[in-house]
Amino acid sequence: MREQLHTIPVNEAFDIGGECPICNMRKELETKAIDFTMGPSYMEDDVRAETSKLGFCERHINLLHGNQNRLGLSLIIKSHMDKVIKDVEKLTGSNAKIPAPSFFKKQKEASGVASYMEKLDDSCYICHKVNRTFERYISTLFYLHRQEEEFRQKFNRCQGFCNRHYGLLHKEATKHLSGEQLRNFLKELNLLYLDNMKRVREDLEWFIDKFDYRYANEPWKNSKDALPRAMNKINSIIN
């Protein structure tokens, strides 16, 4: 089964620990995608064609820049700019269609340029590469939860999930589970999410209290890293 090909990275994501094992999965995929893009592959024609077509989102262009391969990134961006210039020249040339104005109703159809730019703004080579594998990882998670008691125990020992991935698991659960399995999974998931959100919230509250002189001599308990952990819970940010 395809799911079995991804059991190791899914298990490893839960073994790492932290506030959201699903974030661990995605971060690992993202790191590998950045390394792949900035490695020798950027000279390959098929990869360059995809990066030229799709470009990169704001987050991933910054991560690519942080990879330190400035020449490689410059070549990739130049090829992308060449593609955009060529496409826009075609869209704005003498044969380009311009939406006809109307005195009776607002123009509903976006111009070719506007549609192109909106599509371009929503596309990213790294996101596309990560998402293809990430979807299979999520399917594998449900496969393991159905088939392996050891994984179910590991799932129930984790420290919950961030908002985004809690919602994702809720959504995907109905595609992979049914009946009693679905009810049990959602019960476990809800408990994990709420118990661990409350745990981090309490740590964050104590972190705030420590700025009050009345608590200056009190121990930090588990609150020193409460802020980045809370950021992970609410915005899927992992340091």
C-alpha atoms as a PDB file:
ATOM      1  CA  MET A   1       0.000   0.000   0.000  1.00  0.00           C
ATOM      2  CA  ARG A   2       1.147   3.532  -0.752  1.00  0.00           C
ATOM      3  CA  GLU A   3       0.496   4.574   2.847  1.00  0.00           C
ATOM      4  CA  GLN A   4       3.097   2.107   4.100  1.00  0.00           C
ATOM      5  CA  LEU A   5       5.821   3.936   2.178  1.00  0.00           C
ATOM      6  CA  HIS A   6       5.387   6.904   4.510  1.00  0.00           C
ATOM      7  CA  THR A   7       5.021   5.196   7.885  1.00  0.00           C
ATOM      8  CA  ILE A   8       8.591   6.015   8.948  1.00  0.00           C
ATOM      9  CA  PRO A   9       8.398   9.823   8.523  1.00  0.00           C
ATOM     10  CA  VAL A  10       4.941   9.913  10.127  1.00  0.00           C
ATOM     11  CA  ASN A  11       6.153   7.923  13.128  1.00  0.00           C
ATOM     12  CA  GLU A  12       9.279  10.084  13.369  1.00  0.00           C
ATOM     13  CA  ALA A  13       7.177  13.249  13.408  1.00  0.00           C
ATOM     14  CA  PHE A  14       5.370  11.974  16.499  1.00  0.00           C
ATOM     15  CA  ASP A  15       8.626  10.782  18.083  1.00  0.00           C
ATOM     16  CA  ILE A  16      10.157  14.278  17.845  1.00  0.00           C
ATOM     17  CA  GLY A  17       7.592  15.646  20.278  1.00  0.00           C
ATOM     18  CA  GLY A  18       6.679  19.304  20.475  1.00  0.00           C
ATOM     19  CA  GLU A  19       3.328  21.019  20.359  1.00  0.00           C
ATOM     20  CA  CYS A  20       2.186  19.653  16.981  1.00  0.00           C
ATOM     21  CA  PRO A  21       3.535  16.516  15.277  1.00  0.00           C
ATOM     22  CA  ILE A  22       1.789  17.527  12.055  1.00  0.00           C
ATOM     23  CA  CYS A  23       3.882  20.717  12.044  1.00  0.00           C
ATOM     24  CA  ASN A  24       6.936  18.469  12.437  1.00  0.00           C
ATOM     25  CA  MET A  25       5.906  16.559   9.311  1.00  0.00           C
ATOM     26  CA  ARG A  26       5.432  19.694   7.264  1.00  0.00           C
ATOM     27  CA  LYS A  27       8.638  21.345   8.463  1.00  0.00           C
ATOM     28  CA  GLU A  28      10.684  18.280   7.486  1.00  0.00           C
ATOM     29  CA  LEU A  29       9.098  18.219   4.035  1.00  0.00           C
ATOM     30  CA  GLU A  30       9.676  21.954   3.652  1.00  0.00           C
ATOM     31  CA  THR A  31      13.355  21.653   4.619  1.00  0.00           C
ATOM     32  CA  LYS A  32      13.869  18.836   2.116  1.00  0.00           C
ATOM     33  CA  ALA A  33      12.073  20.806  -0.610  1.00  0.00           C
ATOM     34  CA  ILE A  34      14.259  23.877  -0.001  1.00  0.00           C
ATOM     35  CA  ASP A  35      17.433  21.761  -0.087  1.00  0.00           C
ATOM     36  CA  PHE A  36      16.264  20.003  -3.254  1.00  0.00           C
ATOM     37  CA  THR A  37      15.412  23.268  -5.005  1.00  0.00           C
ATOM     38  CA  MET A  38      18.727  24.906  -4.150  1.00  0.00           C
ATOM     39  CA  GLY A  39      20.786  21.771  -4.823  1.00  0.00           C
ATOM     40  CA  PRO A  40      22.020  20.597  -8.247  1.00  0.00           C
ATOM     41  CA  SER A  41      18.399  20.062  -9.314  1.00  0.00           C
ATOM     42  CA  TYR A  42      17.900  23.764 -10.122  1.00  0.00           C
ATOM     43  CA  MET A  43      20.007  23.211 -13.268  1.00  0.00           C
ATOM     44  CA  GLU A  44      17.673  20.466 -14.520  1.00  0.00           C
ATOM     45  CA  ASP A  45      15.325  21.561 -17.294  1.00  0.00           C
ATOM     46  CA  ASP A  46      12.152  20.024 -15.833  1.00  0.00           C
ATOM     47  CA  VAL A  47      12.714  21.608 -12.410  1.00  0.00           C
ATOM     48  CA  ARG A  48      13.576  24.989 -13.924  1.00  0.00           C
ATOM     49  CA  ALA A  49      10.427  24.859 -16.061  1.00  0.00           C
ATOM     50  CA  GLU A  50       8.293  24.331 -12.934  1.00  0.00           C
ATOM     51  CA  THR A  51      10.001  27.030 -10.856  1.00  0.00           C
ATOM     52  CA  SER A  52       9.754  29.440 -13.781  1.00  0.00           C
ATOM     53  CA  LYS A  53       6.042  28.762 -14.129  1.00  0.00           C
ATOM     54  CA  LEU A  54       5.011  28.676 -10.459  1.00  0.00           C
ATOM     55  CA  GLY A  55       7.421  31.032  -8.717  1.00  0.00           C
ATOM     56  CA  PHE A  56       7.430  31.130  -4.907  1.00  0.00           C
ATOM     57  CA  CYS A  57       5.316  32.464  -2.077  1.00  0.00           C
ATOM     58  CA  GLU A  58       6.688  35.101   0.303  1.00  0.00           C
ATOM     59  CA  ARG A  59       7.591  32.591   3.003  1.00  0.00           C
ATOM     60  CA  HIS A  60       9.478  30.252   0.718  1.00  0.00           C
ATOM     61  CA  ILE A  61      11.358  32.891  -1.258  1.00  0.00           C
ATOM     62  CA  ASN A  62      12.747  34.065   2.088  1.00  0.00           C
ATOM     63  CA  LEU A  63      13.705  30.510   3.082  1.00  0.00           C
ATOM     64  CA  LEU A  64      15.393  29.998  -0.284  1.00  0.00           C
ATOM     65  CA  HIS A  65      17.314  33.232   0.229  1.00  0.00           C
ATOM     66  CA  GLY A  66      18.443  31.977   3.634  1.00  0.00           C
ATOM     67  CA  ASN A  67      19.912  28.865   1.983  1.00  0.00           C
ATOM     68  CA  GLN A  68      22.939  31.013   0.976  1.00  0.00           C
ATOM     69  CA  ASN A  69      23.071  29.771  -2.622  1.00  0.00           C
ATOM     70  CA  ARG A  70      22.711  33.291  -4.002  1.00  0.00           C
ATOM     71  CA  LEU A  71      23.816  32.409  -7.530  1.00  0.00           C
ATOM     72  CA  GLY A  72      21.402  29.484  -7.767  1.00  0.00           C
ATOM     73  CA  LEU A  73      18.511  31.572  -6.486  1.00  0.00           C
ATOM     74  CA  SER A  74      19.403  34.409  -8.868  1.00  0.00           C
ATOM     75  CA  LEU A  75      19.305  32.021 -11.825  1.00  0.00           C
ATOM     76  CA  ILE A  76      15.961  30.596 -10.694  1.00  0.00           C
ATOM     77  CA  ILE A  77      14.413  34.031 -10.181  1.00  0.00           C
ATOM     78  CA  LYS A  78      15.745  35.329 -13.508  1.00  0.00           C
ATOM     79  CA  SER A  79      14.146  32.392 -15.336  1.00  0.00           C
ATOM     80  CA  HIS A  80      10.877  33.068 -13.512  1.00  0.00           C
ATOM     81  CA  MET A  81      11.028  36.762 -14.403  1.00  0.00           C
ATOM     82  CA  ASP A  82      11.712  35.851 -18.049  1.00  0.00           C
ATOM     83  CA  LYS A  83       8.579  33.658 -18.028  1.00  0.00           C
ATOM     84  CA  VAL A  84       6.427  36.366 -16.412  1.00  0.00           C
ATOM     85  CA  ILE A  85       7.626  39.046 -18.833  1.00  0.00           C
ATOM     86  CA  LYS A  86       6.904  36.772 -21.814  1.00  0.00           C
ATOM     87  CA  ASP A  87       3.424  35.929 -20.508  1.00  0.00           C
ATOM     88  CA  VAL A  88       2.514  39.546 -19.766  1.00  0.00           C
ATOM     89  CA  GLU A  89       3.771  40.712 -23.155  1.00  0.00           C
ATOM     90  CA  LYS A  90       1.464  38.151 -24.728  1.00  0.00           C
ATOM     91  CA  LEU A  91      -1.476  39.217 -22.556  1.00  0.00           C
ATOM     92  CA  THR A  92      -0.975  42.912 -23.261  1.00  0.00           C
ATOM     93  CA  GLY A  93      -0.061  42.664 -26.937  1.00  0.00           C
ATOM     94  CA  SER A  94      -2.080  43.946 -29.861  1.00  0.00           C
ATOM     95  CA  ASN A  95      -4.222  40.801 -29.956  1.00  0.00           C
ATOM     96  CA  ALA A  96      -5.030  40.904 -26.237  1.00  0.00           C
ATOM     97  CA  LYS A  97      -8.712  40.944 -25.282  1.00  0.00           C
ATOM     98  CA  ILE A  98      -9.810  43.929 -23.209  1.00  0.00           C
ATOM     99  CA  PRO A  99     -13.117  43.639 -21.295  1.00  0.00           C
ATOM    100  CA  ALA A 100     -15.672  45.962 -22.854  1.00  0.00           C
ATOM    101  CA  PRO A 101     -16.968  48.677 -20.495  1.00  0.00           C
ATOM    102  CA  SER A 102     -20.639  48.762 -19.598  1.00  0.00           C
ATOM    103  CA  PHE A 103     -22.734  51.738 -18.496  1.00  0.00           C
ATOM    104  CA  PHE A 104     -25.390  49.481 -16.984  1.00  0.00           C
ATOM    105  CA  LYS A 105     -23.450  47.057 -14.804  1.00  0.00           C
ATOM    106  CA  LYS A 106     -20.120  46.742 -13.120  1.00  0.00           C
ATOM    107  CA  GLN A 107     -17.426  44.839 -14.912  1.00  0.00           C
ATOM    108  CA  LYS A 108     -17.454  41.344 -13.377  1.00  0.00           C
ATOM    109  CA  GLU A 109     -14.796  39.630 -15.470  1.00  0.00           C
ATOM    110  CA  ALA A 110     -11.201  40.367 -14.536  1.00  0.00           C
ATOM    111  CA  SER A 111      -8.793  41.211 -17.318  1.00  0.00           C
ATOM    112  CA  GLY A 112      -6.387  38.568 -18.539  1.00  0.00           C
ATOM    113  CA  VAL A 113      -3.535  40.304 -16.754  1.00  0.00           C
ATOM    114  CA  ALA A 114      -5.464  40.511 -13.463  1.00  0.00           C
ATOM    115  CA  SER A 115      -6.403  36.816 -13.615  1.00  0.00           C
ATOM    116  CA  TYR A 116      -2.853  35.850 -14.485  1.00  0.00           C
ATOM    117  CA  MET A 117      -1.397  37.857 -11.598  1.00  0.00           C
ATOM    118  CA  GLU A 118      -3.946  36.492  -9.120  1.00  0.00           C
ATOM    119  CA  LYS A 119      -3.078  32.948 -10.166  1.00  0.00           C
ATOM    120  CA  LEU A 120       0.631  33.713 -10.001  1.00  0.00           C
ATOM    121  CA  ASP A 121       0.273  35.204  -6.523  1.00  0.00           C
ATOM    122  CA  ASP A 122      -1.331  31.967  -5.290  1.00  0.00           C
ATOM    123  CA  SER A 123       1.265  29.633  -6.798  1.00  0.00           C
ATOM    124  CA  CYS A 124       4.516  28.406  -5.258  1.00  0.00           C
ATOM    125  CA  TYR A 125       6.838  25.622  -6.359  1.00  0.00           C
ATOM    126  CA  ILE A 126       7.795  24.711  -2.770  1.00  0.00           C
ATOM    127  CA  CYS A 127       4.174  24.689  -1.554  1.00  0.00           C
ATOM    128  CA  HIS A 128       3.201  22.493  -4.502  1.00  0.00           C
ATOM    129  CA  LYS A 129       6.061  20.071  -3.866  1.00  0.00           C
ATOM    130  CA  VAL A 130       5.399  19.895  -0.103  1.00  0.00           C
ATOM    131  CA  ASN A 131       1.620  19.529  -0.425  1.00  0.00           C
ATOM    132  CA  ARG A 132       1.811  16.508  -2.722  1.00  0.00           C
ATOM    133  CA  THR A 133       3.713  14.465  -0.126  1.00  0.00           C
ATOM    134  CA  PHE A 134       2.014  16.019   2.896  1.00  0.00           C
ATOM    135  CA  GLU A 135      -1.375  14.760   1.693  1.00  0.00           C
ATOM    136  CA  ARG A 136       0.025  11.223   1.563  1.00  0.00           C
ATOM    137  CA  TYR A 137       1.462  11.638   5.069  1.00  0.00           C
ATOM    138  CA  ILE A 138      -1.997  12.545   6.393  1.00  0.00           C
ATOM    139  CA  SER A 139      -3.481   9.481   4.696  1.00  0.00           C
ATOM    140  CA  THR A 140      -0.730   7.402   6.288  1.00  0.00           C
ATOM    141  CA  LEU A 141      -1.550   8.822   9.720  1.00  0.00           C
ATOM    142  CA  PHE A 142      -5.109   7.534   9.443  1.00  0.00           C
ATOM    143  CA  TYR A 143      -3.898   4.215   8.029  1.00  0.00           C
ATOM    144  CA  LEU A 144      -1.616   3.767  11.061  1.00  0.00           C
ATOM    145  CA  HIS A 145      -4.340   4.819  13.457  1.00  0.00           C
ATOM    146  CA  ARG A 146      -6.671   2.188  11.990  1.00  0.00           C
ATOM    147  CA  GLN A 147      -4.122  -0.613  11.786  1.00  0.00           C
ATOM    148  CA  GLU A 148      -1.551  -0.249  14.569  1.00  0.00           C
ATOM    149  CA  GLU A 149      -2.229  -0.145  18.302  1.00  0.00           C
ATOM    150  CA  GLU A 150       1.328   1.064  18.928  1.00  0.00           C
ATOM    151  CA  PHE A 151       0.709   4.139  16.791  1.00  0.00           C
ATOM    152  CA  ARG A 152      -2.649   4.803  18.456  1.00  0.00           C
ATOM    153  CA  GLN A 153      -0.861   4.874  21.798  1.00  0.00           C
ATOM    154  CA  LYS A 154       1.775   7.199  20.382  1.00  0.00           C
ATOM    155  CA  PHE A 155      -0.965   9.433  18.995  1.00  0.00           C
ATOM    156  CA  ASN A 156      -2.627   9.672  22.395  1.00  0.00           C
ATOM    157  CA  ARG A 157       0.682  10.507  24.119  1.00  0.00           C
ATOM    158  CA  CYS A 158       1.420  13.498  21.878  1.00  0.00           C
ATOM    159  CA  GLN A 159       1.112  17.083  23.095  1.00  0.00           C
ATOM    160  CA  GLY A 160      -1.827  17.953  20.895  1.00  0.00           C
ATOM    161  CA  PHE A 161      -1.969  19.943  17.689  1.00  0.00           C
ATOM    162  CA  CYS A 162      -1.925  23.498  16.421  1.00  0.00           C
ATOM    163  CA  ASN A 163      -5.209  25.125  15.372  1.00  0.00           C
ATOM    164  CA  ARG A 164      -4.606  24.569  11.667  1.00  0.00           C
ATOM    165  CA  HIS A 165      -3.770  20.899  11.910  1.00  0.00           C
ATOM    166  CA  TYR A 166      -6.429  20.159  14.512  1.00  0.00           C
ATOM    167  CA  GLY A 167      -8.947  21.449  11.974  1.00  0.00           C
ATOM    168  CA  LEU A 168      -7.264  19.485   9.186  1.00  0.00           C
ATOM    169  CA  LEU A 169      -7.477  16.208  11.119  1.00  0.00           C
ATOM    170  CA  HIS A 170     -11.150  16.871  11.859  1.00  0.00           C
ATOM    171  CA  LYS A 171     -11.800  17.441   8.159  1.00  0.00           C
ATOM    172  CA  GLU A 172      -9.802  14.462   6.915  1.00  0.00           C
ATOM    173  CA  ALA A 173     -11.124  12.055   9.552  1.00  0.00           C
ATOM    174  CA  THR A 174     -14.485  11.730   7.793  1.00  0.00           C
ATOM    175  CA  LYS A 175     -12.680  10.680   4.573  1.00  0.00           C
ATOM    176  CA  HIS A 176     -10.659   7.907   6.201  1.00  0.00           C
ATOM    177  CA  LEU A 177     -12.762   6.658   9.109  1.00  0.00           C
ATOM    178  CA  SER A 178     -16.379   5.806   9.788  1.00  0.00           C
ATOM    179  CA  GLY A 179     -18.664   4.534  12.500  1.00  0.00           C
ATOM    180  CA  GLU A 180     -17.101   3.710  15.860  1.00  0.00           C
ATOM    181  CA  GLN A 181     -13.575   4.318  14.574  1.00  0.00           C
ATOM    182  CA  LEU A 182     -14.500   7.860  13.557  1.00  0.00           C
ATOM    183  CA  ARG A 183     -16.252   8.609  16.849  1.00  0.00           C
ATOM    184  CA  ASN A 184     -13.321   7.298  18.893  1.00  0.00           C
ATOM    185  CA  PHE A 185     -10.777   9.187  16.835  1.00  0.00           C
ATOM    186  CA  LEU A 186     -12.607  12.498  17.139  1.00  0.00           C
ATOM    187  CA  LYS A 187     -13.065  11.975  20.874  1.00  0.00           C
ATOM    188  CA  GLU A 188      -9.311  11.374  21.271  1.00  0.00           C
ATOM    189  CA  LEU A 189      -8.464  14.299  18.995  1.00  0.00           C
ATOM    190  CA  ASN A 190     -10.731  16.766  20.796  1.00  0.00           C
ATOM    191  CA  LEU A 191      -9.364  15.749  24.186  1.00  0.00           C
ATOM    192  CA  LEU A 192      -5.750  16.049  23.004  1.00  0.00           C
ATOM    193  CA  TYR A 193      -6.364  19.456  21.498  1.00  0.00           C
ATOM    194  CA  LEU A 194      -8.215  21.002  24.444  1.00  0.00           C
ATOM    195  CA  ASP A 195      -6.076  19.534  27.218  1.00  0.00           C
ATOM    196  CA  ASN A 196      -2.871  20.691  25.570  1.00  0.00           C
ATOM    197  CA  MET A 197      -4.176  24.102  24.544  1.00  0.00           C
ATOM    198  CA  LYS A 198      -5.124  24.651  28.187  1.00  0.00           C
ATOM    199  CA  ARG A 199      -1.690  23.428  29.298  1.00  0.00           C
ATOM    200  CA  VAL A 200       0.117  25.913  27.054  1.00  0.00           C
ATOM    201  CA  ARG A 201      -2.335  28.675  27.959  1.00  0.00           C
ATOM    202  CA  GLU A 202      -1.554  28.105  31.655  1.00  0.00           C
ATOM    203  CA  ASP A 203       2.193  28.161  30.966  1.00  0.00           C
ATOM    204  CA  LEU A 204       1.762  31.413  29.042  1.00  0.00           C
ATOM    205  CA  GLU A 205      -0.288  32.886  31.873  1.00  0.00           C
ATOM    206  CA  TRP A 206       2.487  32.072  34.348  1.00  0.00           C
ATOM    207  CA  PHE A 207       5.066  33.575  31.951  1.00  0.00           C
ATOM    208  CA  ILE A 208       3.028  36.800  32.003  1.00  0.00           C
ATOM    209  CA  ASP A 209       2.743  36.698  35.787  1.00  0.00           C
ATOM    210  CA  LYS A 210       6.527  36.460  36.105  1.00  0.00           C
ATOM    211  CA  PHE A 211       6.766  40.048  34.829  1.00  0.00           C
ATOM    212  CA  ASP A 212       4.852  41.134  37.935  1.00  0.00           C
ATOM    213  CA  TYR A 213       7.210  42.010  40.809  1.00  0.00           C
ATOM    214  CA  ARG A 214       5.024  40.008  43.174  1.00  0.00           C
ATOM    215  CA  TYR A 215       6.102  36.805  41.405  1.00  0.00           C
ATOM    216  CA  ALA A 216       9.743  37.738  40.873  1.00  0.00           C
ATOM    217  CA  ASN A 217      11.052  35.148  43.321  1.00  0.00           C
ATOM    218  CA  GLU A 218       8.714  32.380  42.190  1.00  0.00           C
ATOM    219  CA  PRO A 219      10.050  29.548  39.957  1.00  0.00           C
ATOM    220  CA  TRP A 220       9.495  29.758  36.191  1.00  0.00           C
ATOM    221  CA  LYS A 221       8.005  26.267  36.137  1.00  0.00           C
ATOM    222  CA  ASN A 222       7.426  25.329  32.467  1.00  0.00           C
ATOM    223  CA  SER A 223       6.846  28.882  31.251  1.00  0.00           C
ATOM    224  CA  LYS A 224      10.245  30.036  29.900  1.00  0.00           C
ATOM    225  CA  ASP A 225       9.448  28.861  26.374  1.00  0.00           C
ATOM    226  CA  ALA A 226       5.683  29.348  26.677  1.00  0.00           C
ATOM    227  CA  LEU A 227       5.518  32.140  24.082  1.00  0.00           C
ATOM    228  CA  PRO A 228       7.059  30.231  21.129  1.00  0.00           C
ATOM    229  CA  ARG A 229       5.016  27.163  22.074  1.00  0.00           C
ATOM    230  CA  ALA A 230       1.850  29.265  22.110  1.00  0.00           C
ATOM    231  CA  MET A 231       2.815  30.693  18.706  1.00  0.00           C
ATOM    232  CA  ASN A 232       3.126  27.138  17.428  1.00  0.00           C
ATOM    233  CA  LYS A 233      -0.339  26.296  18.765  1.00  0.00           C
ATOM    234  CA  ILE A 234      -2.126  29.257  17.218  1.00  0.00           C
ATOM    235  CA  ASN A 235      -0.088  29.937  14.043  1.00  0.00           C
ATOM    236  CA  SER A 236       1.776  26.672  13.263  1.00  0.00           C
ATOM    237  CA  ILE A 237       5.135  28.409  13.776  1.00  0.00           C
ATOM    238  CA  ILE A 238       8.056  26.164  14.765  1.00  0.00           C
ATOM    239  CA  ASN A 239      11.428  27.687  15.656  1.00  0.00           C
END
